[in-house]
């Protein structure tokens, strides 16, 4: 499972918050990603552009 870290404050979430990538989908060329915080309390759905701008990959695996 991919893990991401927030680079900037985004949608009322603080910089440095860690997330798991839960789902990735594509419909007619538009990619959407669903991320959940490590404690599973918050879920956000974002597009590819928002992912690239505001998140950095931390690692992969369990």
Protein backbone atom coordinates (compact mmCIF):
# COMPACT_ATOMS: atom_id res chain seq x y z
CA UNK A 1 0.00 0.00 0.00
CA UNK A 2 1.42 3.40 -0.94
CA UNK A 3 1.95 5.99 1.77
CA UNK A 4 1.91 9.74 1.18
CA UNK A 5 2.76 12.79 3.26
CA UNK A 6 1.10 16.18 2.89
CA UNK A 7 3.58 18.87 1.71
CA UNK A 8 1.27 21.87 2.23
CA UNK A 9 -1.80 22.65 4.31
CA UNK A 10 -4.70 21.30 2.24
CA UNK A 11 -8.47 21.14 2.86
CA UNK A 12 -8.18 21.84 6.62
CA UNK A 13 -5.41 19.23 7.00
CA UNK A 14 -2.00 20.14 8.38
CA UNK A 15 1.29 19.86 6.53
CA UNK A 16 3.07 16.61 7.42
CA UNK A 17 -0.08 14.50 7.85
CA UNK A 18 0.47 10.93 6.63
CA UNK A 19 -1.99 9.07 4.38
CA UNK A 20 -2.54 5.66 2.84
CA UNK A 21 -3.64 5.45 -0.80
CA UNK A 22 -6.82 3.40 -0.53
CA UNK A 23 -8.18 3.53 -4.10
CA UNK A 24 -7.15 4.76 -7.52
CA UNK A 25 -9.56 4.99 -10.44
CA UNK A 26 -9.70 6.43 -13.93
CA UNK A 27 -12.78 7.37 -15.92
CA UNK A 28 -12.46 8.93 -19.38
CA UNK A 29 -8.90 10.07 -18.71
CA UNK A 30 -9.61 11.63 -15.31
CA UNK A 31 -7.79 9.96 -12.44
CA UNK A 32 -9.15 10.08 -8.92
CA UNK A 33 -7.40 8.99 -5.75
CA UNK A 34 -8.87 8.20 -2.36
CA UNK A 35 -6.57 8.68 0.62
CA UNK A 36 -7.12 7.97 4.32
CA UNK A 37 -5.14 9.22 7.26
CA UNK A 38 -3.02 6.67 9.11
CA UNK A 39 -5.56 6.56 11.97
CA UNK A 40 -8.36 6.09 9.37
CA UNK A 41 -10.35 9.02 10.79
CA UNK A 42 -10.30 11.18 7.63
CA UNK A 43 -10.97 10.31 3.99
CA UNK A 44 -10.34 12.58 1.01
CA UNK A 45 -10.91 12.10 -2.72
CA UNK A 46 -8.61 14.13 -4.96
CA UNK A 47 -7.59 14.32 -8.60
CA UNK A 48 -4.14 13.66 -10.05
CA UNK A 49 -3.17 17.33 -10.13
CA UNK A 50 -3.97 17.83 -6.43
CA UNK A 51 -2.01 14.69 -5.57
CA UNK A 52 1.08 15.90 -7.43
CA UNK A 53 0.90 19.43 -5.98
CA UNK A 54 0.19 18.64 -2.35
CA UNK A 55 1.54 15.16 -1.58
CA UNK A 56 4.87 13.37 -1.64
CA UNK A 57 5.22 9.57 -1.63
CA UNK A 58 6.82 8.28 1.55
CA UNK A 59 6.96 4.57 0.78
CA UNK A 60 5.22 1.43 -0.33
CA UNK A 61 4.44 -1.82 1.35
CA UNK A 62 2.47 -2.91 4.42
